[in-house]
Amino acid sequence: MPMCRNIKTLFNFDPPVTDQEIRDASLQFVRKISGFTKPSKTNEAAFLAAVDEIAAVSARLLASLETSASPKDRDEEAARRKARSAERFAS
């Protein structure tokens, strides 16, 4: 099953991932599984709590992972994503 295109890999980058990037990915995940881009007032507290919890778990996961691979360059990865997107949406 393919990963949601809006959620990007966050592990093993130079410079390392920021807290904001982790939160953004967590927000995308909660949006995807809930089906809400913006929850109603009734669901807002649960939605935001889920984003906070997933961000915290994700940060702990990323901090605990180890690899012998060299860190990926952010600019190179962004260029690859842009090229894949251009290819996918070419007419």
C-alpha atoms as a PDB file:
ATOM      1  CA  MET A   1       0.000   0.000   0.000  1.00  0.00           C
ATOM      2  CA  PRO A   2       1.563   3.343  -1.013  1.00  0.00           C
ATOM      3  CA  MET A   3       2.184   6.001   1.600  1.00  0.00           C
ATOM      4  CA  CYS A   4       0.203   9.215   1.493  1.00  0.00           C
ATOM      5  CA  ARG A   5       2.134  11.564  -0.797  1.00  0.00           C
ATOM      6  CA  ASN A   6       1.814  14.446   1.655  1.00  0.00           C
ATOM      7  CA  ILE A   7       3.594  12.604   4.456  1.00  0.00           C
ATOM      8  CA  LYS A   8       7.327  12.707   3.861  1.00  0.00           C
ATOM      9  CA  THR A   9      10.083  10.587   5.356  1.00  0.00           C
ATOM     10  CA  LEU A  10      11.630  12.449   8.286  1.00  0.00           C
ATOM     11  CA  PHE A  11      14.447  10.135   9.385  1.00  0.00           C
ATOM     12  CA  ASN A  12      18.146  10.573   8.637  1.00  0.00           C
ATOM     13  CA  PHE A  13      18.330  14.052   7.144  1.00  0.00           C
ATOM     14  CA  ASP A  14      20.983  16.709   7.363  1.00  0.00           C
ATOM     15  CA  PRO A  15      20.035  19.063   8.910  1.00  0.00           C
ATOM     16  CA  PRO A  16      17.828  16.978  11.202  1.00  0.00           C
ATOM     17  CA  VAL A  17      14.063  17.205  11.151  1.00  0.00           C
ATOM     18  CA  THR A  18      12.461  20.031  13.121  1.00  0.00           C
ATOM     19  CA  ASP A  19       9.611  19.822  15.627  1.00  0.00           C
ATOM     20  CA  GLN A  20       7.447  21.753  13.160  1.00  0.00           C
ATOM     21  CA  GLU A  21       8.081  19.202  10.410  1.00  0.00           C
ATOM     22  CA  ILE A  22       7.107  16.396  12.776  1.00  0.00           C
ATOM     23  CA  ARG A  23       3.925  18.259  13.730  1.00  0.00           C
ATOM     24  CA  ASP A  24       3.084  18.945  10.072  1.00  0.00           C
ATOM     25  CA  ALA A  25       3.427  15.242   9.224  1.00  0.00           C
ATOM     26  CA  SER A  26       1.314  14.343  12.258  1.00  0.00           C
ATOM     27  CA  LEU A  27      -1.375  16.782  11.159  1.00  0.00           C
ATOM     28  CA  GLN A  28      -1.405  15.240   7.673  1.00  0.00           C
ATOM     29  CA  PHE A  29      -1.730  11.768   9.210  1.00  0.00           C
ATOM     30  CA  VAL A  30      -4.656  12.777  11.420  1.00  0.00           C
ATOM     31  CA  ARG A  31      -6.337  14.517   8.487  1.00  0.00           C
ATOM     32  CA  LYS A  32      -5.941  11.395   6.365  1.00  0.00           C
ATOM     33  CA  ILE A  33      -7.301   8.908   8.883  1.00  0.00           C
ATOM     34  CA  SER A  34     -10.108  11.158  10.157  1.00  0.00           C
ATOM     35  CA  GLY A  35     -11.218  12.427   6.771  1.00  0.00           C
ATOM     36  CA  PHE A  36     -11.274  16.009   8.098  1.00  0.00           C
ATOM     37  CA  THR A  37      -9.072  18.791   6.788  1.00  0.00           C
ATOM     38  CA  LYS A  38     -10.540  21.027   9.463  1.00  0.00           C
ATOM     39  CA  PRO A  39     -12.633  19.420  12.195  1.00  0.00           C
ATOM     40  CA  SER A  40     -15.884  20.853  13.519  1.00  0.00           C
ATOM     41  CA  LYS A  41     -15.826  22.633  16.876  1.00  0.00           C
ATOM     42  CA  THR A  42     -17.245  19.458  18.415  1.00  0.00           C
ATOM     43  CA  ASN A  43     -14.313  17.363  17.145  1.00  0.00           C
ATOM     44  CA  GLU A  44     -11.567  19.983  17.356  1.00  0.00           C
ATOM     45  CA  ALA A  45     -10.241  19.028  20.811  1.00  0.00           C
ATOM     46  CA  ALA A  46      -9.991  15.330  19.930  1.00  0.00           C
ATOM     47  CA  PHE A  47      -8.409  16.168  16.563  1.00  0.00           C
ATOM     48  CA  LEU A  48      -5.749  18.449  18.069  1.00  0.00           C
ATOM     49  CA  ALA A  49      -5.049  16.000  20.918  1.00  0.00           C
ATOM     50  CA  ALA A  50      -4.430  13.280  18.334  1.00  0.00           C
ATOM     51  CA  VAL A  51      -2.027  15.536  16.420  1.00  0.00           C
ATOM     52  CA  ASP A  52      -0.120  16.288  19.657  1.00  0.00           C
ATOM     53  CA  GLU A  53       0.068  12.621  20.662  1.00  0.00           C
ATOM     54  CA  ILE A  54       1.204  11.451  17.233  1.00  0.00           C
ATOM     55  CA  ALA A  55       3.819  14.216  17.073  1.00  0.00           C
ATOM     56  CA  ALA A  56       5.199  13.188  20.477  1.00  0.00           C
ATOM     57  CA  VAL A  57       5.343   9.499  19.548  1.00  0.00           C
ATOM     58  CA  SER A  58       6.928  10.346  16.194  1.00  0.00           C
ATOM     59  CA  ALA A  59       9.591  12.518  17.822  1.00  0.00           C
ATOM     60  CA  ARG A  60      10.460   9.690  20.239  1.00  0.00           C
ATOM     61  CA  LEU A  61      10.626   7.216  17.379  1.00  0.00           C
ATOM     62  CA  LEU A  62      12.900   9.420  15.282  1.00  0.00           C
ATOM     63  CA  ALA A  63      15.178  10.062  18.269  1.00  0.00           C
ATOM     64  CA  SER A  64      15.515   6.339  18.962  1.00  0.00           C
ATOM     65  CA  LEU A  65      16.259   5.184  15.403  1.00  0.00           C
ATOM     66  CA  GLU A  66      19.823   4.408  14.354  1.00  0.00           C
ATOM     67  CA  THR A  67      21.407   3.916  10.954  1.00  0.00           C
ATOM     68  CA  SER A  68      24.844   3.498   9.445  1.00  0.00           C
ATOM     69  CA  ALA A  69      23.697   5.229   6.245  1.00  0.00           C
ATOM     70  CA  SER A  70      24.856   8.733   5.503  1.00  0.00           C
ATOM     71  CA  PRO A  71      22.263  11.446   6.145  1.00  0.00           C
ATOM     72  CA  LYS A  72      20.168  12.422   3.123  1.00  0.00           C
ATOM     73  CA  ASP A  73      20.520  15.924   1.740  1.00  0.00           C
ATOM     74  CA  ARG A  74      17.269  17.879   2.047  1.00  0.00           C
ATOM     75  CA  ASP A  75      17.789  19.818  -1.173  1.00  0.00           C
ATOM     76  CA  GLU A  76      18.496  16.664  -3.206  1.00  0.00           C
ATOM     77  CA  GLU A  77      15.427  14.915  -1.796  1.00  0.00           C
ATOM     78  CA  ALA A  78      13.254  17.961  -2.512  1.00  0.00           C
ATOM     79  CA  ALA A  79      14.527  18.034  -6.104  1.00  0.00           C
ATOM     80  CA  ARG A  80      13.698  14.311  -6.485  1.00  0.00           C
ATOM     81  CA  ARG A  81      10.175  14.874  -5.122  1.00  0.00           C
ATOM     82  CA  LYS A  82       9.671  17.800  -7.496  1.00  0.00           C
ATOM     83  CA  ALA A  83      10.867  15.757 -10.480  1.00  0.00           C
ATOM     84  CA  ARG A  84       8.568  12.826  -9.565  1.00  0.00           C
ATOM     85  CA  SER A  85       5.653  15.216  -9.209  1.00  0.00           C
ATOM     86  CA  ALA A  86       6.367  16.866 -12.567  1.00  0.00           C
ATOM     87  CA  GLU A  87       6.548  13.442 -14.219  1.00  0.00           C
ATOM     88  CA  ARG A  88       3.339  12.258 -12.548  1.00  0.00           C
ATOM     89  CA  PHE A  89       1.347  15.355 -13.534  1.00  0.00           C
ATOM     90  CA  ALA A  90       2.841  15.912 -17.000  1.00  0.00           C
ATOM     91  CA  SER A  91       0.207  16.117 -19.684  1.00  0.00           C
END
